[in-house]
Amino acid sequence: MFLSACREVEIVNEVVYRSEVRIERVRGPLRHACLPAGEERGVIGVHGEIGKEGGVMVIRRIHATYRPRGVAADRRDTVARVLSFHADQCPVARSTGGSIAITTSVDYAD
């Protein structure tokens, strides 16, 4: 009787985005992130804080420091504007649903 009340559900696995980011190992924990946004490599430093809940390690916070190269002084306001809404558009931040605090900063490598 229960089975007759069930409907067939179609599962759609449509790919809406495919990441083109490439990570290159430099040495030890240092990696370069190669972003498709430009010719220059984007260097991003990422640090996290780990805690424990019930004996299980959990990520509490993630901080990403973007180190763009070759950004003219008159374009840095654009970088700040983009980072101001970064978390709203970041798949990782959206996927974690606010359970992990994610912050960003910029360190110009000039």
Protein backbone atom coordinates (compact mmCIF):
# COMPACT_ATOMS: atom_id res chain seq x y z
CA MET A 1 0.00 0.00 0.00
CA PHE A 2 2.83 2.42 0.88
CA LEU A 3 4.57 1.83 -2.47
CA SER A 4 1.47 2.74 -4.43
CA ALA A 5 1.43 6.15 -2.72
CA CYS A 6 5.06 6.94 -3.72
CA ARG A 7 5.87 8.98 -6.80
CA GLU A 8 8.86 8.46 -9.01
CA VAL A 9 11.37 11.26 -8.45
CA GLU A 10 13.76 12.32 -11.18
CA ILE A 11 17.20 13.27 -9.89
CA VAL A 12 18.91 15.95 -11.96
CA ASN A 13 22.69 16.19 -11.78
CA GLU A 14 23.20 19.24 -13.96
CA VAL A 15 26.68 20.74 -13.77
CA VAL A 16 26.36 24.50 -13.43
CA TYR A 17 30.04 25.34 -12.87
CA ARG A 18 33.33 23.58 -13.39
CA SER A 19 36.30 24.98 -11.50
CA GLU A 20 39.29 25.95 -13.61
CA VAL A 21 41.48 26.68 -10.58
CA ARG A 22 44.74 24.77 -10.53
CA ILE A 23 46.79 24.37 -7.33
CA GLU A 24 50.56 24.01 -7.65
CA ARG A 25 52.72 22.75 -4.80
CA VAL A 26 55.71 25.00 -4.16
CA ARG A 27 57.23 23.39 -1.06
CA GLY A 28 55.94 22.07 2.23
CA PRO A 29 52.47 23.50 2.85
CA LEU A 30 52.96 26.37 0.35
CA ARG A 31 50.76 26.22 -2.76
CA HIS A 32 50.10 28.59 -5.66
CA ALA A 33 46.51 28.93 -6.82
CA CYS A 34 46.32 29.51 -10.57
CA LEU A 35 43.07 31.34 -11.23
CA PRO A 36 41.49 31.64 -14.69
CA ALA A 37 40.86 35.37 -14.18
CA GLY A 38 44.14 36.52 -15.67
CA GLU A 39 47.61 35.72 -16.86
CA GLU A 40 49.30 36.22 -13.49
CA ARG A 41 49.16 33.57 -10.82
CA GLY A 42 47.06 34.52 -7.85
CA VAL A 43 48.68 33.78 -4.51
CA ILE A 44 46.26 33.09 -1.69
CA GLY A 45 47.35 32.30 1.86
CA VAL A 46 44.78 30.28 3.76
CA HIS A 47 44.87 29.58 7.48
CA GLY A 48 42.33 27.78 9.61
CA GLU A 49 41.57 27.27 13.27
CA ILE A 50 40.64 23.78 14.39
CA GLY A 51 38.68 22.90 17.52
CA LYS A 52 37.20 19.75 18.99
CA GLU A 53 33.60 18.73 19.51
CA GLY A 54 32.97 15.43 21.22
CA GLY A 55 36.53 14.33 20.50
CA VAL A 56 36.22 15.13 16.77
CA MET A 57 38.27 17.87 15.12
CA VAL A 58 36.14 20.58 13.45
CA ILE A 59 37.10 23.65 11.46
CA ARG A 60 36.12 26.81 13.36
CA ARG A 61 37.50 29.59 11.15
CA ILE A 62 39.16 30.07 7.78
CA HIS A 63 41.06 33.21 6.83
CA ALA A 64 42.20 33.79 3.24
CA THR A 65 44.81 36.44 2.46
CA TYR A 66 44.82 37.38 -1.21
CA ARG A 67 48.17 38.57 -2.53
CA PRO A 68 47.46 40.02 -5.98
CA ARG A 69 50.37 41.06 -8.17
CA GLY A 70 50.47 44.04 -10.46
CA VAL A 71 47.30 45.78 -9.27
CA ALA A 72 47.62 49.49 -9.96
CA ALA A 73 46.99 51.78 -6.99
CA ASP A 74 43.94 53.28 -8.70
CA ARG A 75 42.39 49.78 -9.07
CA ARG A 76 42.75 48.70 -5.45
CA ASP A 77 39.35 50.13 -4.55
CA THR A 78 37.86 47.59 -6.98
CA VAL A 79 39.64 44.75 -5.15
CA ALA A 80 38.28 46.02 -1.81
CA ARG A 81 34.76 46.24 -3.26
CA VAL A 82 34.91 42.68 -4.60
CA LEU A 83 36.13 41.32 -1.27
CA SER A 84 33.31 43.15 0.54
CA PHE A 85 30.76 40.78 -1.04
CA HIS A 86 33.08 37.83 -1.56
CA ALA A 87 31.43 35.52 1.00
CA ASP A 88 27.98 36.04 -0.54
CA GLN A 89 29.24 34.66 -3.85
CA CYS A 90 31.81 32.12 -2.59
CA PRO A 91 30.71 28.49 -3.06
CA VAL A 92 32.64 27.37 0.03
CA ALA A 93 31.11 30.06 2.26
CA ARG A 94 27.63 29.33 0.92
CA SER A 95 28.08 25.55 1.26
CA THR A 96 29.13 25.73 4.89
CA GLY A 97 26.03 27.77 5.68
CA GLY A 98 27.80 30.02 8.16
CA SER A 99 28.96 27.12 10.33
CA ILE A 100 32.56 28.12 9.63
CA ALA A 101 33.59 31.78 9.94
CA ILE A 102 35.34 32.82 6.72
CA THR A 103 37.25 36.10 6.54
CA THR A 104 39.46 37.64 3.87
CA SER A 105 42.14 40.31 3.58
CA VAL A 106 44.45 41.68 0.91
CA ASP A 107 48.24 41.99 1.04
CA TYR A 108 49.61 43.71 -2.06
CA ALA A 109 52.91 42.12 -3.07
CA ASP A 110 54.25 45.25 -4.78
